[in-house]
């Protein structure tokens, strides 16, 4: 991994039209097709939330065992971030 690279929390948003009987069914279908939905959007909205400085800041299912995107594909977050600041 690059010597100066740091982990950042980003939010990726996209929009899709889903055929369904109701909102609950639409959410279920979108969840099932999320990989296709995201890959079909050439311009997703990407918002950098913050630079991460400790494992305590990880949310949304991310933990110290996860491998971040854009790195060397081997280094886990617990090897990059301290447990607490």
PDB file of N, CA and C in Angstrom:
ATOM      1  N   UNK A   1       0.850  -1.169   0.000  1.00  0.00           N
ATOM      2  CA  UNK A   1       0.000   0.000   0.000  1.00  0.00           C
ATOM      3  C   UNK A   1       0.892   1.228   0.000  1.00  0.00           C
ATOM      4  N   UNK A   2       0.461   2.286  -0.670  1.00  0.00           N
ATOM      5  CA  UNK A   2       1.248   3.508  -0.738  1.00  0.00           C
ATOM      6  C   UNK A   2       1.607   4.030   0.636  1.00  0.00           C
ATOM      7  N   UNK A   3       2.798   4.534   0.761  1.00  0.00           N
ATOM      8  CA  UNK A   3       3.322   4.987   2.053  1.00  0.00           C
ATOM      9  C   UNK A   3       2.433   6.037   2.711  1.00  0.00           C
ATOM     10  N   UNK A   4       1.812   6.900   1.922  1.00  0.00           N
ATOM     11  CA  UNK A   4       1.049   8.006   2.486  1.00  0.00           C
ATOM     12  C   UNK A   4      -0.464   7.821   2.396  1.00  0.00           C
ATOM     13  N   UNK A   5      -0.907   6.669   1.940  1.00  0.00           N
ATOM     14  CA  UNK A   5      -2.344   6.447   1.816  1.00  0.00           C
ATOM     15  C   UNK A   5      -2.973   6.272   3.191  1.00  0.00           C
ATOM     16  N   UNK A   6      -4.211   6.811   3.337  1.00  0.00           N
ATOM     17  CA  UNK A   6      -4.957   6.729   4.588  1.00  0.00           C
ATOM     18  C   UNK A   6      -6.353   6.207   4.285  1.00  0.00           C
ATOM     19  N   UNK A   7      -6.996   5.569   5.248  1.00  0.00           N
ATOM     20  CA  UNK A   7      -8.370   5.117   5.032  1.00  0.00           C
ATOM     21  C   UNK A   7      -9.377   6.264   5.195  1.00  0.00           C
ATOM     22  N   UNK A   8     -10.313   6.342   4.272  1.00  0.00           N
ATOM     23  CA  UNK A   8     -11.382   7.336   4.317  1.00  0.00           C
ATOM     24  C   UNK A   8     -12.721   6.625   4.280  1.00  0.00           C
ATOM     25  N   UNK A   9     -13.675   7.137   5.022  1.00  0.00           N
ATOM     26  CA  UNK A   9     -15.048   6.648   4.968  1.00  0.00           C
ATOM     27  C   UNK A   9     -15.759   7.425   3.874  1.00  0.00           C
ATOM     28  N   UNK A  10     -16.303   6.721   2.879  1.00  0.00           N
ATOM     29  CA  UNK A  10     -17.034   7.376   1.800  1.00  0.00           C
ATOM     30  C   UNK A  10     -18.442   6.806   1.709  1.00  0.00           C
ATOM     31  N   UNK A  11     -19.336   7.619   1.223  1.00  0.00           N
ATOM     32  CA  UNK A  11     -20.715   7.186   0.983  1.00  0.00           C
ATOM     33  C   UNK A  11     -20.945   7.204  -0.524  1.00  0.00           C
ATOM     34  N   UNK A  12     -21.463   6.113  -1.060  1.00  0.00           N
ATOM     35  CA  UNK A  12     -21.753   6.011  -2.488  1.00  0.00           C
ATOM     36  C   UNK A  12     -23.272   5.904  -2.649  1.00  0.00           C
ATOM     37  N   UNK A  13     -23.844   6.815  -3.424  1.00  0.00           N
ATOM     38  CA  UNK A  13     -25.293   6.818  -3.651  1.00  0.00           C
ATOM     39  C   UNK A  13     -25.584   6.673  -5.129  1.00  0.00           C
ATOM     40  N   UNK A  14     -26.673   5.992  -5.426  1.00  0.00           N
ATOM     41  CA  UNK A  14     -27.158   5.868  -6.789  1.00  0.00           C
ATOM     42  C   UNK A  14     -28.679   5.803  -6.746  1.00  0.00           C
ATOM     43  N   UNK A  15     -29.294   5.912  -7.882  1.00  0.00           N
ATOM     44  CA  UNK A  15     -30.746   5.854  -7.969  1.00  0.00           C
ATOM     45  C   UNK A  15     -31.149   4.808  -8.997  1.00  0.00           C
ATOM     46  N   UNK A  16     -32.264   4.141  -8.750  1.00  0.00           N
ATOM     47  CA  UNK A  16     -32.772   3.125  -9.666  1.00  0.00           C
ATOM     48  C   UNK A  16     -34.290   3.123  -9.619  1.00  0.00           C
ATOM     49  N   UNK A  17     -34.875   2.583 -10.648  1.00  0.00           N
ATOM     50  CA  UNK A  17     -36.318   2.369 -10.686  1.00  0.00           C
ATOM     51  C   UNK A  17     -36.545   0.873 -10.534  1.00  0.00           C
ATOM     52  N   UNK A  18     -37.387   0.496  -9.563  1.00  0.00           N
ATOM     53  CA  UNK A  18     -37.647  -0.910  -9.256  1.00  0.00           C
ATOM     54  C   UNK A  18     -39.148  -1.150  -9.350  1.00  0.00           C
ATOM     55  N   UNK A  19     -39.549  -2.180 -10.050  1.00  0.00           N
ATOM     56  CA  UNK A  19     -40.959  -2.550 -10.154  1.00  0.00           C
ATOM     57  C   UNK A  19     -41.336  -3.404  -8.946  1.00  0.00           C
ATOM     58  N   UNK A  20     -42.410  -2.995  -8.235  1.00  0.00           N
ATOM     59  CA  UNK A  20     -42.834  -3.722  -7.038  1.00  0.00           C
ATOM     60  C   UNK A  20     -44.280  -3.378  -6.702  1.00  0.00           C
ATOM     61  N   UNK A  21     -44.868  -4.167  -5.800  1.00  0.00           N
ATOM     62  CA  UNK A  21     -46.241  -3.921  -5.361  1.00  0.00           C
ATOM     63  C   UNK A  21     -46.330  -2.865  -4.275  1.00  0.00           C
ATOM     64  N   UNK A  22     -45.253  -2.719  -3.484  1.00  0.00           N
ATOM     65  CA  UNK A  22     -45.266  -1.770  -2.381  1.00  0.00           C
ATOM     66  C   UNK A  22     -43.817  -1.402  -2.020  1.00  0.00           C
ATOM     67  N   UNK A  23     -43.661  -0.464  -1.101  1.00  0.00           N
ATOM     68  CA  UNK A  23     -42.330   0.038  -0.733  1.00  0.00           C
ATOM     69  C   UNK A  23     -41.449  -1.060  -0.144  1.00  0.00           C
ATOM     70  N   UNK A  24     -42.029  -1.930   0.666  1.00  0.00           N
ATOM     71  CA  UNK A  24     -41.249  -3.015   1.274  1.00  0.00           C
ATOM     72  C   UNK A  24     -40.715  -3.964   0.200  1.00  0.00           C
ATOM     73  N   UNK A  25     -41.556  -4.292  -0.749  1.00  0.00           N
ATOM     74  CA  UNK A  25     -41.148  -5.159  -1.850  1.00  0.00           C
ATOM     75  C   UNK A  25     -40.094  -4.466  -2.729  1.00  0.00           C
ATOM     76  N   UNK A  26     -40.244  -3.168  -2.931  1.00  0.00           N
ATOM     77  CA  UNK A  26     -39.271  -2.410  -3.725  1.00  0.00           C
ATOM     78  C   UNK A  26     -37.901  -2.428  -3.047  1.00  0.00           C
ATOM     79  N   UNK A  27     -37.884  -2.258  -1.745  1.00  0.00           N
ATOM     80  CA  UNK A  27     -36.621  -2.287  -1.005  1.00  0.00           C
ATOM     81  C   UNK A  27     -35.972  -3.666  -1.099  1.00  0.00           C
ATOM     82  N   UNK A  28     -36.784  -4.703  -0.980  1.00  0.00           N
ATOM     83  CA  UNK A  28     -36.278  -6.070  -1.066  1.00  0.00           C
ATOM     84  C   UNK A  28     -35.690  -6.362  -2.446  1.00  0.00           C
ATOM     85  N   UNK A  29     -36.404  -5.937  -3.485  1.00  0.00           N
ATOM     86  CA  UNK A  29     -35.910  -6.161  -4.838  1.00  0.00           C
ATOM     87  C   UNK A  29     -34.638  -5.359  -5.114  1.00  0.00           C
ATOM     88  N   UNK A  30     -34.574  -4.125  -4.638  1.00  0.00           N
ATOM     89  CA  UNK A  30     -33.378  -3.307  -4.828  1.00  0.00           C
ATOM     90  C   UNK A  30     -32.182  -3.924  -4.107  1.00  0.00           C
ATOM     91  N   UNK A  31     -32.409  -4.451  -2.924  1.00  0.00           N
ATOM     92  CA  UNK A  31     -31.330  -5.098  -2.180  1.00  0.00           C
ATOM     93  C   UNK A  31     -30.815  -6.321  -2.936  1.00  0.00           C
ATOM     94  N   UNK A  32     -31.729  -7.082  -3.507  1.00  0.00           N
ATOM     95  CA  UNK A  32     -31.353  -8.263  -4.273  1.00  0.00           C
ATOM     96  C   UNK A  32     -30.537  -7.886  -5.515  1.00  0.00           C
ATOM     97  N   UNK A  33     -30.876  -6.757  -6.136  1.00  0.00           N
ATOM     98  CA  UNK A  33     -30.240  -6.347  -7.386  1.00  0.00           C
ATOM     99  C   UNK A  33     -29.195  -5.246  -7.211  1.00  0.00           C
ATOM    100  N   UNK A  34     -28.764  -5.007  -5.991  1.00  0.00           N
ATOM    101  CA  UNK A  34     -27.892  -3.857  -5.721  1.00  0.00           C
ATOM    102  C   UNK A  34     -26.596  -3.865  -6.534  1.00  0.00           C
ATOM    103  N   UNK A  35     -26.003  -5.016  -6.753  1.00  0.00           N
ATOM    104  CA  UNK A  35     -24.756  -5.054  -7.533  1.00  0.00           C
ATOM    105  C   UNK A  35     -24.998  -4.591  -8.967  1.00  0.00           C
ATOM    106  N   UNK A  36     -26.104  -5.027  -9.568  1.00  0.00           N
ATOM    107  CA  UNK A  36     -26.439  -4.579 -10.923  1.00  0.00           C
ATOM    108  C   UNK A  36     -26.769  -3.088 -10.929  1.00  0.00           C
ATOM    109  N   UNK A  37     -27.513  -2.644  -9.943  1.00  0.00           N
ATOM    110  CA  UNK A  37     -27.901  -1.235  -9.867  1.00  0.00           C
ATOM    111  C   UNK A  37     -26.661  -0.344  -9.804  1.00  0.00           C
ATOM    112  N   UNK A  38     -25.736  -0.677  -8.919  1.00  0.00           N
ATOM    113  CA  UNK A  38     -24.529   0.138  -8.761  1.00  0.00           C
ATOM    114  C   UNK A  38     -23.667   0.069 -10.020  1.00  0.00           C
ATOM    115  N   UNK A  39     -23.527  -1.105 -10.604  1.00  0.00           N
ATOM    116  CA  UNK A  39     -22.664  -1.229 -11.789  1.00  0.00           C
ATOM    117  C   UNK A  39     -23.268  -0.539 -13.018  1.00  0.00           C
ATOM    118  N   UNK A  40     -24.584  -0.344 -13.055  1.00  0.00           N
ATOM    119  CA  UNK A  40     -25.221   0.334 -14.186  1.00  0.00           C
ATOM    120  C   UNK A  40     -25.107   1.855 -14.118  1.00  0.00           C
ATOM    121  N   UNK A  41     -24.695   2.405 -12.992  1.00  0.00           N
ATOM    122  CA  UNK A  41     -24.617   3.856 -12.832  1.00  0.00           C
ATOM    123  C   UNK A  41     -23.200   4.349 -13.134  1.00  0.00           C
ATOM    124  N   UNK A  42     -23.014   5.043 -14.256  1.00  0.00           N
ATOM    125  CA  UNK A  42     -21.671   5.519 -14.600  1.00  0.00           C
ATOM    126  C   UNK A  42     -21.224   6.716 -13.760  1.00  0.00           C
ATOM    127  N   UNK A  43     -22.160   7.351 -13.057  1.00  0.00           N
ATOM    128  CA  UNK A  43     -21.837   8.543 -12.265  1.00  0.00           C
ATOM    129  C   UNK A  43     -22.495   8.519 -10.889  1.00  0.00           C
ATOM    130  N   UNK A  44     -22.127   7.565 -10.040  1.00  0.00           N
ATOM    131  CA  UNK A  44     -22.720   7.555  -8.698  1.00  0.00           C
ATOM    132  C   UNK A  44     -22.290   8.798  -7.926  1.00  0.00           C
ATOM    133  N   UNK A  45     -23.087   9.155  -6.960  1.00  0.00           N
ATOM    134  CA  UNK A  45     -22.753  10.287  -6.090  1.00  0.00           C
ATOM    135  C   UNK A  45     -21.825   9.750  -5.006  1.00  0.00           C
ATOM    136  N   UNK A  46     -20.625  10.303  -4.925  1.00  0.00           N
ATOM    137  CA  UNK A  46     -19.645   9.848  -3.944  1.00  0.00           C
ATOM    138  C   UNK A  46     -19.300  11.012  -3.035  1.00  0.00           C
ATOM    139  N   UNK A  47     -19.527  10.810  -1.747  1.00  0.00           N
ATOM    140  CA  UNK A  47     -19.256  11.846  -0.751  1.00  0.00           C
ATOM    141  C   UNK A  47     -18.253  11.308   0.258  1.00  0.00           C
ATOM    142  N   UNK A  48     -17.133  12.007   0.400  1.00  0.00           N
ATOM    143  CA  UNK A  48     -16.142  11.626   1.399  1.00  0.00           C
ATOM    144  C   UNK A  48     -16.632  12.134   2.742  1.00  0.00           C
ATOM    145  N   UNK A  49     -16.859  11.209   3.675  1.00  0.00           N
ATOM    146  CA  UNK A  49     -17.372  11.573   4.990  1.00  0.00           C
ATOM    147  C   UNK A  49     -16.263  12.042   5.920  1.00  0.00           C
ATOM    148  N   UNK A  50     -15.167  11.248   5.995  1.00  0.00           N
ATOM    149  CA  UNK A  50     -14.054  11.651   6.857  1.00  0.00           C
ATOM    150  C   UNK A  50     -12.884  10.701   6.706  1.00  0.00           C
ATOM    151  N   UNK A  51     -11.744  11.162   7.138  1.00  0.00           N
ATOM    152  CA  UNK A  51     -10.562  10.323   7.242  1.00  0.00           C
ATOM    153  C   UNK A  51     -10.677   9.547   8.540  1.00  0.00           C
ATOM    154  N   UNK A  52     -10.458   8.247   8.487  1.00  0.00           N
ATOM    155  CA  UNK A  52     -10.571   7.418   9.687  1.00  0.00           C
ATOM    156  C   UNK A  52      -9.250   7.406  10.447  1.00  0.00           C
ATOM    157  N   UNK A  53      -9.333   7.547  11.764  1.00  0.00           N
ATOM    158  CA  UNK A  53      -8.116   7.542  12.579  1.00  0.00           C
ATOM    159  C   UNK A  53      -8.089   6.414  13.604  1.00  0.00           C
ATOM    160  N   UNK A  54      -9.217   5.712  13.784  1.00  0.00           N
ATOM    161  CA  UNK A  54      -9.220   4.581  14.715  1.00  0.00           C
ATOM    162  C   UNK A  54     -10.290   3.566  14.325  1.00  0.00           C
ATOM    163  N   UNK A  55     -10.115   2.344  14.788  1.00  0.00           N
ATOM    164  CA  UNK A  55     -11.100   1.286  14.528  1.00  0.00           C
ATOM    165  C   UNK A  55     -12.456   1.621  15.125  1.00  0.00           C
ATOM    166  N   UNK A  56     -12.480   2.407  16.188  1.00  0.00           N
ATOM    167  CA  UNK A  56     -13.729   2.761  16.848  1.00  0.00           C
ATOM    168  C   UNK A  56     -14.667   3.549  15.923  1.00  0.00           C
ATOM    169  N   UNK A  57     -14.140   4.136  14.862  1.00  0.00           N
ATOM    170  CA  UNK A  57     -14.954   4.929  13.942  1.00  0.00           C
ATOM    171  C   UNK A  57     -15.628   4.096  12.855  1.00  0.00           C
ATOM    172  N   UNK A  58     -15.284   2.828  12.743  1.00  0.00           N
ATOM    173  CA  UNK A  58     -15.850   1.986  11.692  1.00  0.00           C
ATOM    174  C   UNK A  58     -17.333   1.719  11.954  1.00  0.00           C
ATOM    175  N   UNK A  59     -18.134   1.788  10.891  1.00  0.00           N
ATOM    176  CA  UNK A  59     -19.580   1.578  10.986  1.00  0.00           C
ATOM    177  C   UNK A  59     -20.060   0.760   9.788  1.00  0.00           C
ATOM    178  N   UNK A  60     -21.326   0.510   9.728  1.00  0.00           N
ATOM    179  CA  UNK A  60     -21.996  -0.123   8.587  1.00  0.00           C
ATOM    180  C   UNK A  60     -21.404  -1.485   8.226  1.00  0.00           C
ATOM    181  N   UNK A  61     -21.064  -2.279   9.234  1.00  0.00           N
ATOM    182  CA  UNK A  61     -20.570  -3.627   8.993  1.00  0.00           C
ATOM    183  C   UNK A  61     -19.064  -3.726   8.787  1.00  0.00           C
ATOM    184  N   UNK A  62     -18.378  -2.610   8.757  1.00  0.00           N
ATOM    185  CA  UNK A  62     -16.921  -2.626   8.631  1.00  0.00           C
ATOM    186  C   UNK A  62     -16.298  -2.861   9.988  1.00  0.00           C
ATOM    187  N   UNK A  63     -15.248  -3.696  10.033  1.00  0.00           N
ATOM    188  CA  UNK A  63     -14.520  -3.926  11.280  1.00  0.00           C
ATOM    189  C   UNK A  63     -13.038  -4.100  10.959  1.00  0.00           C
ATOM    190  N   UNK A  64     -12.263  -4.377  11.950  1.00  0.00           N
ATOM    191  CA  UNK A  64     -10.820  -4.484  11.797  1.00  0.00           C
ATOM    192  C   UNK A  64     -10.359  -5.601  10.890  1.00  0.00           C
ATOM    193  N   UNK A  65     -11.211  -6.587  10.627  1.00  0.00           N
ATOM    194  CA  UNK A  65     -10.841  -7.697   9.743  1.00  0.00           C
ATOM    195  C   UNK A  65     -11.064  -7.383   8.266  1.00  0.00           C
ATOM    196  N   UNK A  66     -11.754  -6.291   7.988  1.00  0.00           N
ATOM    197  CA  UNK A  66     -12.059  -5.931   6.602  1.00  0.00           C
ATOM    198  C   UNK A  66     -10.832  -5.379   5.878  1.00  0.00           C
ATOM    199  N   UNK A  67     -10.792  -5.613   4.573  1.00  0.00           N
ATOM    200  CA  UNK A  67      -9.733  -5.099   3.703  1.00  0.00           C
ATOM    201  C   UNK A  67     -10.331  -3.912   2.940  1.00  0.00           C
ATOM    202  N   UNK A  68      -9.736  -2.720   3.052  1.00  0.00           N
ATOM    203  CA  UNK A  68     -10.307  -1.557   2.372  1.00  0.00           C
ATOM    204  C   UNK A  68     -10.089  -1.601   0.854  1.00  0.00           C
ATOM    205  N   UNK A  69     -10.973  -0.961   0.117  1.00  0.00           N
ATOM    206  CA  UNK A  69     -10.817  -0.820  -1.333  1.00  0.00           C
ATOM    207  C   UNK A  69      -9.654   0.120  -1.607  1.00  0.00           C
ATOM    208  N   UNK A  70      -8.958  -0.111  -2.721  1.00  0.00           N
ATOM    209  CA  UNK A  70      -7.902   0.794  -3.151  1.00  0.00           C
ATOM    210  C   UNK A  70      -6.547   0.534  -2.531  1.00  0.00           C
ATOM    211  N   UNK A  71      -6.461  -0.439  -1.644  1.00  0.00           N
ATOM    212  CA  UNK A  71      -5.182  -0.760  -1.010  1.00  0.00           C
ATOM    213  C   UNK A  71      -4.484  -1.898  -1.736  1.00  0.00           C
ATOM    214  N   UNK A  72      -3.720  -2.666  -0.983  1.00  0.00           N
ATOM    215  CA  UNK A  72      -2.955  -3.764  -1.583  1.00  0.00           C
ATOM    216  C   UNK A  72      -3.746  -5.069  -1.657  1.00  0.00           C
ATOM    217  N   UNK A  73      -4.990  -5.043  -1.212  1.00  0.00           N
ATOM    218  CA  UNK A  73      -5.905  -6.190  -1.213  1.00  0.00           C
ATOM    219  C   UNK A  73      -5.553  -7.255  -0.183  1.00  0.00           C
ATOM    220  N   UNK A  74      -4.605  -6.965   0.704  1.00  0.00           N
ATOM    221  CA  UNK A  74      -4.214  -7.917   1.743  1.00  0.00           C
ATOM    222  C   UNK A  74      -4.247  -7.310   3.137  1.00  0.00           C
ATOM    223  N   UNK A  75      -3.904  -6.045   3.247  1.00  0.00           N
ATOM    224  CA  UNK A  75      -3.784  -5.406   4.548  1.00  0.00           C
ATOM    225  C   UNK A  75      -5.165  -5.118   5.124  1.00  0.00           C
ATOM    226  N   UNK A  76      -5.396  -5.610   6.335  1.00  0.00           N
ATOM    227  CA  UNK A  76      -6.687  -5.418   7.006  1.00  0.00           C
ATOM    228  C   UNK A  76      -6.666  -4.116   7.816  1.00  0.00           C
ATOM    229  N   UNK A  77      -7.852  -3.603   8.084  1.00  0.00           N
ATOM    230  CA  UNK A  77      -7.951  -2.309   8.770  1.00  0.00           C
ATOM    231  C   UNK A  77      -7.297  -2.337  10.151  1.00  0.00           C
ATOM    232  N   UNK A  78      -7.316  -3.458  10.847  1.00  0.00           N
ATOM    233  CA  UNK A  78      -6.689  -3.508  12.168  1.00  0.00           C
ATOM    234  C   UNK A  78      -5.173  -3.350  12.077  1.00  0.00           C
ATOM    235  N   UNK A  79      -4.604  -3.561  10.890  1.00  0.00           N
ATOM    236  CA  UNK A  79      -3.175  -3.372  10.690  1.00  0.00           C
ATOM    237  C   UNK A  79      -2.832  -1.913  10.359  1.00  0.00           C
ATOM    238  N   UNK A  80      -3.849  -1.129  10.033  1.00  0.00           N
ATOM    239  CA  UNK A  80      -3.657   0.262   9.632  1.00  0.00           C
ATOM    240  C   UNK A  80      -4.061   1.220  10.749  1.00  0.00           C
ATOM    241  N   UNK A  81      -5.190   0.921  11.388  1.00  0.00           N
ATOM    242  CA  UNK A  81      -5.776   1.831  12.366  1.00  0.00           C
ATOM    243  C   UNK A  81      -5.566   1.357  13.795  1.00  0.00           C
ATOM    244  N   UNK A  82      -5.303   2.282  14.714  1.00  0.00           N
ATOM    245  CA  UNK A  82      -5.236   1.881  16.122  1.00  0.00           C
ATOM    246  C   UNK A  82      -6.645   1.575  16.652  1.00  0.00           C
ATOM    247  N   UNK A  83      -6.697   0.844  17.750  1.00  0.00           N
ATOM    248  CA  UNK A  83      -7.994   0.502  18.351  1.00  0.00           C
ATOM    249  C   UNK A  83      -8.751   1.749  18.799  1.00  0.00           C
ATOM    250  N   UNK A  84      -8.045   2.682  19.407  1.00  0.00           N
ATOM    251  CA  UNK A  84      -8.661   3.933  19.866  1.00  0.00           C
ATOM    252  C   UNK A  84      -7.648   5.053  19.735  1.00  0.00           C
ATOM    253  N   UNK A  85      -8.169   6.262  19.708  1.00  0.00           N
ATOM    254  CA  UNK A  85      -7.299   7.438  19.588  1.00  0.00           C
ATOM    255  C   UNK A  85      -7.033   7.987  20.974  1.00  0.00           C
TER     256      UNK A  85
END
